[in-house]
């Protein structure tokens, strides 16, 4: 079973905090979380209980439970399924730092405390992994010693904020996010999607070979050889598992890798072209423009401008 790619995806999350919030709530209360594409949204219950509803999926959360919405889907968080939600950005908030805030809703009833957040990621395998995950994942820290300890630290920091509380909370919350995904991976066996393909003995071997050396001149034939299958059987198996043709996946991954390298800076276009399997810079430029709709240079400038806009938007939201 070729699970090294799953390990690499979890190790290479490239996770960054978009925002974190501590919520002190008393029933009745409800929060409508907006869609946040490109993020994973988590809710950690440190006191009381809550309900999270994502589409038709509804889960009850008790102290120590973590709910993860892996694709940033809009959802309801409330004290009960019947309580209507108020849009998140309509709630009064106390800004503790530029990325860490406190929310209070006092309905006079049963108290609840949550640590919530949205994290973005840059790891190449994370987006494909997220598409394989269900709409919401829930894991309990009640019986896990280290997770219980992490929860206790987060709870203490949320009750009595100190210098660096946002950093401590962010780091521990990130660990809980990865642990939630890992728990699901250990307990689930999806039949289709990236996880299923990685775990398939034959297709997983081909994927491992490609990901180790994406610069090589891969073809369906060479990938089928790595899988130990005939060309036709491998192509059919790959498409059945991934719902996309082999070479479409190869191109997609290479262009995602190229985008990451272009945006990161530090490498010439010639070196980037070589790293993603193109023999000439001109051929790479043409492929990049077809895939991303602009030249590598324009893409890098657009990425820098986008990050600056995110910073302005977050200041406006939390300010």
Protein backbone atom coordinates (compact mmCIF):
# COMPACT_ATOMS: atom_id res chain seq x y z
CA UNK A 1 0.00 0.00 0.00
CA UNK A 2 1.61 3.25 -1.13
CA UNK A 3 0.60 5.60 1.66
CA UNK A 4 3.79 7.71 1.53
CA UNK A 5 1.94 10.27 -0.59
CA UNK A 6 -0.67 10.64 2.14
CA UNK A 7 2.09 11.14 4.70
CA UNK A 8 3.74 13.70 2.44
CA UNK A 9 0.44 15.55 1.99
CA UNK A 10 -0.04 15.80 5.76
CA UNK A 11 3.58 16.86 6.29
CA UNK A 12 3.42 19.41 3.47
CA UNK A 13 0.15 21.08 4.44
CA UNK A 14 1.72 24.52 4.19
CA UNK A 15 -0.94 25.55 6.70
CA UNK A 16 -1.45 29.20 7.60
CA UNK A 17 -4.10 30.74 9.83
CA UNK A 18 -6.68 32.92 8.13
CA UNK A 19 -8.36 33.65 11.45
CA UNK A 20 -8.97 32.13 14.85
CA UNK A 21 -11.75 33.02 17.29
CA UNK A 22 -12.73 32.12 20.82
CA UNK A 23 -16.51 32.17 21.25
CA UNK A 24 -18.23 32.52 24.64
CA UNK A 25 -21.87 31.57 24.05
CA UNK A 26 -25.06 31.01 26.00
CA UNK A 27 -28.17 29.39 24.53
CA UNK A 28 -29.99 30.16 22.40
CA UNK A 29 -27.28 31.01 19.89
CA UNK A 30 -26.60 30.25 16.21
CA UNK A 31 -23.87 31.25 13.79
CA UNK A 32 -24.12 31.04 10.01
CA UNK A 33 -20.59 30.37 8.77
CA UNK A 34 -20.05 31.72 5.24
CA UNK A 35 -18.33 29.69 2.53
CA UNK A 36 -14.58 30.23 2.64
CA UNK A 37 -13.18 28.51 -0.49
CA UNK A 38 -9.62 27.31 -0.26
CA UNK A 39 -9.77 26.88 3.51
CA UNK A 40 -10.52 24.23 6.11
CA UNK A 41 -12.82 25.42 8.91
CA UNK A 42 -12.63 23.81 12.34
CA UNK A 43 -14.66 24.06 15.54
CA UNK A 44 -13.29 22.80 18.85
CA UNK A 45 -15.67 22.54 21.83
CA UNK A 46 -13.94 23.29 25.14
CA UNK A 47 -17.11 23.63 27.25
CA UNK A 48 -20.79 22.77 26.74
CA UNK A 49 -22.12 21.34 23.49
CA UNK A 50 -23.02 22.44 19.98
CA UNK A 51 -24.56 21.26 16.73
CA UNK A 52 -22.85 21.63 13.35
CA UNK A 53 -24.86 21.17 10.16
CA UNK A 54 -23.19 21.04 6.75
CA UNK A 55 -25.81 20.51 4.04
CA UNK A 56 -27.79 17.42 5.06
CA UNK A 57 -25.13 16.22 7.52
CA UNK A 58 -25.69 17.11 11.17
CA UNK A 59 -23.39 16.28 14.10
CA UNK A 60 -23.56 16.87 17.83
CA UNK A 61 -20.34 18.10 19.45
CA UNK A 62 -19.40 17.55 23.08
CA UNK A 63 -16.38 18.85 25.06
CA UNK A 64 -13.17 17.70 23.41
CA UNK A 65 -14.78 17.16 20.00
CA UNK A 66 -13.31 18.73 16.87
CA UNK A 67 -15.46 19.27 13.78
CA UNK A 68 -13.59 19.93 10.54
CA UNK A 69 -15.27 21.27 7.39
CA UNK A 70 -12.48 20.41 4.93
CA UNK A 71 -13.64 22.32 1.87
CA UNK A 72 -14.67 25.58 3.53
CA UNK A 73 -18.37 24.95 2.87
CA UNK A 74 -20.89 27.33 4.42
CA UNK A 75 -22.63 25.76 7.43
CA UNK A 76 -24.61 26.31 10.63
CA UNK A 77 -23.17 26.17 14.13
CA UNK A 78 -25.73 26.42 16.96
CA UNK A 79 -26.81 25.25 20.39
CA UNK A 80 -29.61 23.18 18.80
CA UNK A 81 -30.78 22.27 15.28
CA UNK A 82 -33.83 24.55 15.66
CA UNK A 83 -31.92 27.73 16.52
CA UNK A 84 -31.55 30.08 13.52
CA UNK A 85 -28.10 31.41 12.74
CA UNK A 86 -26.79 34.97 12.54
CA UNK A 87 -24.25 35.59 9.76
CA UNK A 88 -20.75 35.44 11.24
CA UNK A 89 -19.67 38.87 10.08
CA UNK A 90 -22.81 40.45 11.56
CA UNK A 91 -21.82 39.41 15.08
CA UNK A 92 -19.98 41.84 17.38
CA UNK A 93 -16.37 40.78 17.84
CA UNK A 94 -13.48 41.86 20.05
CA UNK A 95 -10.19 41.92 18.17
CA UNK A 96 -7.34 40.49 20.27
CA UNK A 97 -4.77 40.51 17.44
CA UNK A 98 -5.09 40.93 13.69
CA UNK A 99 -5.91 37.21 13.34
CA UNK A 100 -7.37 36.33 16.72
CA UNK A 101 -10.67 37.54 18.15
CA UNK A 102 -13.40 36.86 20.69
CA UNK A 103 -17.13 36.48 19.97
CA UNK A 104 -19.86 36.67 22.62
CA UNK A 105 -23.54 35.74 22.36
CA UNK A 106 -25.42 35.81 25.65
CA UNK A 107 -28.85 34.19 25.34
CA UNK A 108 -29.03 33.62 29.08
CA UNK A 109 -29.09 29.84 28.86
CA UNK A 110 -26.60 26.94 28.91
CA UNK A 111 -23.04 28.13 28.29
CA UNK A 112 -20.73 26.89 25.54
CA UNK A 113 -17.16 27.83 24.64
CA UNK A 114 -15.65 27.19 21.21
CA UNK A 115 -12.30 27.72 19.57
CA UNK A 116 -12.93 28.11 15.84
CA UNK A 117 -10.84 29.00 12.85
CA UNK A 118 -10.20 28.82 9.17
CA UNK A 119 -6.83 27.70 7.86
CA UNK A 120 -5.54 27.93 4.33
CA UNK A 121 -2.93 25.62 2.84
CA UNK A 122 -0.40 25.54 0.03
CA UNK A 123 0.55 21.85 -0.02
CA UNK A 124 0.08 20.33 -3.47
CA UNK A 125 -1.72 17.21 -2.29
CA UNK A 126 -4.01 18.92 0.19
CA UNK A 127 -6.64 20.18 -2.26
CA UNK A 128 -6.97 16.70 -3.79
CA UNK A 129 -7.08 15.14 -0.34
CA UNK A 130 -9.79 17.62 0.74
CA UNK A 131 -11.96 16.69 -2.24
CA UNK A 132 -11.89 13.07 -1.05
CA UNK A 133 -13.01 13.91 2.48
CA UNK A 134 -16.68 14.00 3.56
CA UNK A 135 -18.46 17.36 4.12
CA UNK A 136 -17.63 17.31 7.84
CA UNK A 137 -15.30 15.20 10.00
CA UNK A 138 -15.69 14.85 13.76
CA UNK A 139 -13.12 13.41 16.13
CA UNK A 140 -13.13 13.21 19.91
CA UNK A 141 -10.17 14.01 22.10
CA UNK A 142 -11.82 12.66 25.23
CA UNK A 143 -9.90 9.37 25.17
CA UNK A 144 -6.62 10.50 23.60
CA UNK A 145 -4.06 11.61 26.19
CA UNK A 146 -2.04 14.03 24.06
CA UNK A 147 -5.17 15.43 22.41
CA UNK A 148 -6.77 15.95 25.81
CA UNK A 149 -3.63 17.79 26.94
CA UNK A 150 -3.71 19.99 23.84
CA UNK A 151 -7.37 20.73 24.45
CA UNK A 152 -6.63 21.72 28.07
CA UNK A 153 -3.93 24.16 26.93
CA UNK A 154 -6.22 25.69 24.27
CA UNK A 155 -9.01 26.01 26.84
CA UNK A 156 -6.69 27.70 29.35
CA UNK A 157 -5.39 30.13 26.73
CA UNK A 158 -8.94 30.98 25.65
CA UNK A 159 -10.09 31.68 29.22
CA UNK A 160 -7.08 33.78 30.22
CA UNK A 161 -5.34 35.23 27.15
CA UNK A 162 -1.65 36.05 27.62
CA UNK A 163 1.03 37.39 25.30
CA UNK A 164 1.43 34.80 22.56
CA UNK A 165 -1.91 33.10 23.23
CA UNK A 166 -2.86 33.44 19.57
CA UNK A 167 0.37 31.71 18.51
CA UNK A 168 -0.05 28.84 20.98
CA UNK A 169 -3.70 28.36 20.05
CA UNK A 170 -2.94 28.48 16.32
CA UNK A 171 -0.16 25.88 16.52
CA UNK A 172 -2.16 23.45 18.64
CA UNK A 173 -5.28 23.92 16.53
CA UNK A 174 -3.26 23.13 13.41
CA UNK A 175 -2.14 19.86 15.03
CA UNK A 176 -5.74 19.00 15.85
CA UNK A 177 -6.75 19.65 12.23
CA UNK A 178 -4.11 17.23 10.95
CA UNK A 179 -5.05 14.69 13.63
CA UNK A 180 -8.71 14.88 12.61
CA UNK A 181 -7.81 14.11 9.00
CA UNK A 182 -5.44 11.35 10.05
CA UNK A 183 -8.13 9.72 12.20
CA UNK A 184 -10.50 9.70 9.23
CA UNK A 185 -7.82 8.20 6.99
CA UNK A 186 -7.21 5.42 9.52
CA UNK A 187 -10.90 4.57 9.80
CA UNK A 188 -12.17 5.03 6.22
CA UNK A 189 -11.76 3.23 2.92
CA UNK A 190 -13.11 5.43 0.11
CA UNK A 191 -13.69 3.65 -3.18
CA UNK A 192 -12.89 6.60 -5.40
CA UNK A 193 -10.80 9.73 -5.28
CA UNK A 194 -7.18 10.55 -4.58
CA UNK A 195 -6.97 8.59 -1.32
CA UNK A 196 -8.40 5.48 -2.98
CA UNK A 197 -5.92 5.84 -5.85
CA UNK A 198 -2.95 6.29 -3.54
CA UNK A 199 -3.95 3.20 -1.56
CA UNK A 200 -4.49 1.07 -4.66
CA UNK A 201 -1.39 -1.20 -4.97
CA UNK A 202 -0.96 -0.69 -8.72
CA UNK A 203 -2.15 2.89 -9.27
CA UNK A 204 -0.50 3.92 -6.00
CA UNK A 205 2.84 2.61 -7.27
CA UNK A 206 2.49 4.65 -10.46
CA UNK A 207 1.53 7.77 -8.53
CA UNK A 208 4.49 7.31 -6.18
CA UNK A 209 6.85 7.02 -9.15
CA UNK A 210 5.43 10.13 -10.83
CA UNK A 211 5.41 12.26 -7.69
CA UNK A 212 9.00 11.31 -6.91
CA UNK A 213 10.18 12.50 -10.33
CA UNK A 214 7.57 14.73 -12.02
CA UNK A 215 10.26 16.06 -14.37
CA UNK A 216 10.63 12.73 -16.15
CA UNK A 217 9.06 12.21 -19.60
CA UNK A 218 6.12 10.23 -18.27
CA UNK A 219 3.69 8.53 -20.62
CA UNK A 220 0.75 6.21 -20.04
CA UNK A 221 3.04 3.34 -21.02
CA UNK A 222 5.79 4.22 -18.53
CA UNK A 223 3.30 4.81 -15.72
CA UNK A 224 1.57 1.51 -16.54
CA UNK A 225 4.95 -0.20 -16.31
CA UNK A 226 5.50 1.35 -12.86
CA UNK A 227 2.07 0.00 -11.90
CA UNK A 228 2.86 -3.46 -13.26
CA UNK A 229 -0.18 -3.37 -15.56
CA UNK A 230 -0.93 -3.26 -19.25
CA UNK A 231 -1.46 0.17 -20.78
CA UNK A 232 -5.18 -0.25 -21.34
CA UNK A 233 -5.91 -1.86 -17.96
CA UNK A 234 -3.93 0.82 -16.13
CA UNK A 235 -5.61 3.69 -17.99
CA UNK A 236 -9.06 2.28 -17.23
CA UNK A 237 -8.24 1.61 -13.58
CA UNK A 238 -6.78 5.09 -13.09
CA UNK A 239 -9.78 6.83 -14.63
CA UNK A 240 -12.19 4.72 -12.61
CA UNK A 241 -10.48 5.64 -9.34
CA UNK A 242 -9.65 9.29 -10.06
CA UNK A 243 -12.47 10.22 -12.43
CA UNK A 244 -9.92 11.82 -14.76
CA UNK A 245 -7.51 10.43 -17.39
CA UNK A 246 -3.91 9.63 -16.49
CA UNK A 247 -2.22 12.37 -18.49
CA UNK A 248 -4.78 14.96 -17.39
CA UNK A 249 -3.68 14.25 -13.84
CA UNK A 250 -0.01 14.49 -14.81
CA UNK A 251 -0.55 17.88 -16.46
CA UNK A 252 -2.68 19.15 -13.59
CA UNK A 253 -0.11 18.22 -10.96
CA UNK A 254 2.76 19.68 -12.97
CA UNK A 255 0.91 22.97 -13.48
CA UNK A 256 0.04 23.15 -9.77
CA UNK A 257 3.69 22.55 -8.95
CA UNK A 258 4.75 25.16 -11.51
CA UNK A 259 2.35 27.71 -10.02
CA UNK A 260 3.77 27.09 -6.57
CA UNK A 261 7.35 27.51 -7.80
CA UNK A 262 6.52 30.63 -9.82
CA UNK A 263 4.73 32.24 -6.90
CA UNK A 264 7.51 31.28 -4.49
CA UNK A 265 10.17 33.05 -6.53
CA UNK A 266 13.86 32.25 -6.35
CA UNK A 267 14.03 30.07 -9.49
CA UNK A 268 14.41 31.05 -13.10
CA UNK A 269 11.67 30.04 -15.52
CA UNK A 270 14.13 27.72 -17.21
CA UNK A 271 14.77 25.82 -13.98
CA UNK A 272 11.06 25.67 -13.19
CA UNK A 273 10.35 24.33 -16.67
CA UNK A 274 12.91 21.57 -16.15
CA UNK A 275 11.50 20.66 -12.74
CA UNK A 276 8.01 20.13 -14.12
CA UNK A 277 9.02 18.12 -17.17
CA UNK A 278 9.37 20.63 -20.02
CA UNK A 279 12.44 20.59 -22.21
CA UNK A 280 12.28 24.26 -23.17
CA UNK A 281 11.20 27.45 -21.48
CA UNK A 282 9.08 28.35 -24.51
CA UNK A 283 7.10 25.09 -24.32
CA UNK A 284 6.63 25.60 -20.58
CA UNK A 285 5.40 29.18 -21.11
CA UNK A 286 2.82 28.01 -23.64
CA UNK A 287 1.58 25.21 -21.38
CA UNK A 288 1.44 27.49 -18.35
CA UNK A 289 -0.53 30.13 -20.24
CA UNK A 290 -3.03 27.55 -21.54
CA UNK A 291 -3.56 26.16 -18.05
CA UNK A 292 -3.54 29.30 -15.91
CA UNK A 293 -4.74 31.84 -18.46
CA UNK A 294 -1.71 34.11 -18.15
CA UNK A 295 2.08 34.08 -18.38
CA UNK A 296 4.20 32.95 -15.40
CA UNK A 297 5.28 36.56 -14.81
CA UNK A 298 1.71 37.84 -14.76
CA UNK A 299 0.74 34.95 -12.48
CA UNK A 300 3.45 35.87 -9.98
CA UNK A 301 2.40 39.53 -9.98
CA UNK A 302 -1.26 38.57 -9.59
CA UNK A 303 -0.41 36.30 -6.66
CA UNK A 304 1.45 39.07 -4.87
CA UNK A 305 -1.45 41.48 -5.42
CA UNK A 306 -3.92 38.84 -4.20
CA UNK A 307 -2.00 38.32 -0.96
CA UNK A 308 -1.96 42.07 -0.36
CA UNK A 309 -5.73 42.19 -0.92
CA UNK A 310 -6.26 39.32 1.52
CA UNK A 311 -4.37 41.30 4.13
CA UNK A 312 -6.54 44.37 3.53
CA UNK A 313 -9.74 42.29 3.60
CA UNK A 314 -8.80 40.57 6.85
CA UNK A 315 -8.02 43.93 8.44
CA UNK A 316 -11.40 45.23 7.32
CA UNK A 317 -13.22 42.15 8.64
CA UNK A 318 -11.52 42.02 12.02
CA UNK A 319 -11.16 45.75 12.48
